[in-house]
């Protein structure tokens, strides 16, 4: 099936092309990867699943969890800033 997106701004097209280049993909492949990631079904975690994940990363205190969340948030925020400035 073919999809078409109309009226895409030139700045957005340039950011998408830059993103595709960073991932060593064509623009078409990058767009498909973005759509696949967005459409992926989210897996609902049960309490047992969450406990297994906590044990796997060996969290001992709530403070450790906060540190991990903050580091991940900062990493994502930095990545988003880099995406915006790499035009």
C-alpha atoms as a PDB file:
ATOM      1  CA  UNK A   1       0.000   0.000   0.000  1.00  0.00           C
ATOM      2  CA  UNK A   2       1.185   3.534  -0.700  1.00  0.00           C
ATOM      3  CA  UNK A   3       0.575   6.466   1.628  1.00  0.00           C
ATOM      4  CA  UNK A   4       0.918  10.138   0.826  1.00  0.00           C
ATOM      5  CA  UNK A   5       1.467  13.090   3.147  1.00  0.00           C
ATOM      6  CA  UNK A   6       0.725  16.499   1.669  1.00  0.00           C
ATOM      7  CA  UNK A   7       1.711  20.030   2.640  1.00  0.00           C
ATOM      8  CA  UNK A   8       4.869  19.143   4.569  1.00  0.00           C
ATOM      9  CA  UNK A   9       6.924  22.219   5.431  1.00  0.00           C
ATOM     10  CA  UNK A  10      10.433  22.455   4.038  1.00  0.00           C
ATOM     11  CA  UNK A  11      12.037  22.764   7.516  1.00  0.00           C
ATOM     12  CA  UNK A  12      10.335  19.510   8.562  1.00  0.00           C
ATOM     13  CA  UNK A  13      11.458  17.770   5.379  1.00  0.00           C
ATOM     14  CA  UNK A  14      15.045  18.898   6.038  1.00  0.00           C
ATOM     15  CA  UNK A  15      14.928  17.621   9.646  1.00  0.00           C
ATOM     16  CA  UNK A  16      13.578  14.272   8.438  1.00  0.00           C
ATOM     17  CA  UNK A  17      16.301  14.020   5.793  1.00  0.00           C
ATOM     18  CA  UNK A  18      18.948  14.807   8.408  1.00  0.00           C
ATOM     19  CA  UNK A  19      17.482  12.174  10.725  1.00  0.00           C
ATOM     20  CA  UNK A  20      17.470   9.625   7.899  1.00  0.00           C
ATOM     21  CA  UNK A  21      21.105  10.402   7.141  1.00  0.00           C
ATOM     22  CA  UNK A  22      22.071   9.961  10.810  1.00  0.00           C
ATOM     23  CA  UNK A  23      20.437   6.517  10.743  1.00  0.00           C
ATOM     24  CA  UNK A  24      22.005   5.649   7.366  1.00  0.00           C
ATOM     25  CA  UNK A  25      18.572   5.273   5.781  1.00  0.00           C
ATOM     26  CA  UNK A  26      16.756   6.702   2.822  1.00  0.00           C
ATOM     27  CA  UNK A  27      14.015   9.190   3.615  1.00  0.00           C
ATOM     28  CA  UNK A  28      11.443   6.534   2.671  1.00  0.00           C
ATOM     29  CA  UNK A  29      13.010   3.984   5.058  1.00  0.00           C
ATOM     30  CA  UNK A  30      13.218   6.540   7.858  1.00  0.00           C
ATOM     31  CA  UNK A  31       9.557   7.505   7.467  1.00  0.00           C
ATOM     32  CA  UNK A  32       8.549   3.846   7.520  1.00  0.00           C
ATOM     33  CA  UNK A  33      10.621   3.259  10.685  1.00  0.00           C
ATOM     34  CA  UNK A  34       8.947   6.249  12.381  1.00  0.00           C
ATOM     35  CA  UNK A  35       5.475   5.006  11.431  1.00  0.00           C
ATOM     36  CA  UNK A  36       6.240   1.437  12.554  1.00  0.00           C
ATOM     37  CA  UNK A  37       7.523   2.672  15.932  1.00  0.00           C
ATOM     38  CA  UNK A  38       4.469   4.896  16.411  1.00  0.00           C
ATOM     39  CA  UNK A  39       2.040   2.133  15.481  1.00  0.00           C
ATOM     40  CA  UNK A  40       3.673  -0.596  17.563  1.00  0.00           C
ATOM     41  CA  UNK A  41       1.230  -2.016  20.068  1.00  0.00           C
ATOM     42  CA  UNK A  42       2.141  -1.171  23.606  1.00  0.00           C
ATOM     43  CA  UNK A  43       2.528  -4.175  25.848  1.00  0.00           C
ATOM     44  CA  UNK A  44       0.661  -3.804  29.133  1.00  0.00           C
ATOM     45  CA  UNK A  45       2.897  -4.679  32.039  1.00  0.00           C
ATOM     46  CA  UNK A  46       1.471  -6.655  34.898  1.00  0.00           C
ATOM     47  CA  UNK A  47       2.709  -6.117  38.454  1.00  0.00           C
ATOM     48  CA  UNK A  48       4.647  -9.383  38.102  1.00  0.00           C
ATOM     49  CA  UNK A  49       6.351  -8.031  34.942  1.00  0.00           C
ATOM     50  CA  UNK A  50       7.297  -4.806  36.717  1.00  0.00           C
ATOM     51  CA  UNK A  51       8.687  -6.663  39.724  1.00  0.00           C
ATOM     52  CA  UNK A  52      10.750  -8.874  37.406  1.00  0.00           C
ATOM     53  CA  UNK A  53      12.191  -5.791  35.686  1.00  0.00           C
ATOM     54  CA  UNK A  54      13.015  -4.151  39.021  1.00  0.00           C
ATOM     55  CA  UNK A  55      14.795  -7.308  40.161  1.00  0.00           C
ATOM     56  CA  UNK A  56      16.631  -7.584  36.853  1.00  0.00           C
ATOM     57  CA  UNK A  57      18.181  -4.132  37.211  1.00  0.00           C
ATOM     58  CA  UNK A  58      18.740  -4.736  40.930  1.00  0.00           C
ATOM     59  CA  UNK A  59      17.098  -1.603  42.312  1.00  0.00           C
ATOM     60  CA  UNK A  60      17.467  -1.406  46.050  1.00  0.00           C
ATOM     61  CA  UNK A  61      15.881   1.939  46.927  1.00  0.00           C
ATOM     62  CA  UNK A  62      13.358   4.342  45.397  1.00  0.00           C
ATOM     63  CA  UNK A  63      16.191   6.879  45.100  1.00  0.00           C
ATOM     64  CA  UNK A  64      17.975   4.625  42.631  1.00  0.00           C
ATOM     65  CA  UNK A  65      14.862   4.490  40.484  1.00  0.00           C
ATOM     66  CA  UNK A  66      14.649   8.290  40.528  1.00  0.00           C
ATOM     67  CA  UNK A  67      18.280   8.549  39.388  1.00  0.00           C
ATOM     68  CA  UNK A  68      17.620   6.167  36.484  1.00  0.00           C
ATOM     69  CA  UNK A  69      14.481   8.047  35.437  1.00  0.00           C
ATOM     70  CA  UNK A  70      16.233  11.421  35.579  1.00  0.00           C
ATOM     71  CA  UNK A  71      19.191  10.156  33.556  1.00  0.00           C
ATOM     72  CA  UNK A  72      16.848   8.710  30.940  1.00  0.00           C
ATOM     73  CA  UNK A  73      14.807  11.926  30.813  1.00  0.00           C
ATOM     74  CA  UNK A  74      17.977  13.993  30.397  1.00  0.00           C
ATOM     75  CA  UNK A  75      19.230  11.674  27.643  1.00  0.00           C
ATOM     76  CA  UNK A  76      15.944  11.949  25.748  1.00  0.00           C
ATOM     77  CA  UNK A  77      15.793  15.724  26.231  1.00  0.00           C
ATOM     78  CA  UNK A  78      19.358  16.111  24.949  1.00  0.00           C
ATOM     79  CA  UNK A  79      18.575  13.902  21.953  1.00  0.00           C
ATOM     80  CA  UNK A  80      15.518  15.987  21.130  1.00  0.00           C
ATOM     81  CA  UNK A  81      17.575  19.171  21.348  1.00  0.00           C
ATOM     82  CA  UNK A  82      20.201  17.688  19.037  1.00  0.00           C
ATOM     83  CA  UNK A  83      17.518  16.652  16.542  1.00  0.00           C
ATOM     84  CA  UNK A  84      16.204  20.226  16.458  1.00  0.00           C
ATOM     85  CA  UNK A  85      19.618  21.829  16.034  1.00  0.00           C
ATOM     86  CA  UNK A  86      21.070  19.464  13.452  1.00  0.00           C
ATOM     87  CA  UNK A  87      19.374  21.096  10.465  1.00  0.00           C
END
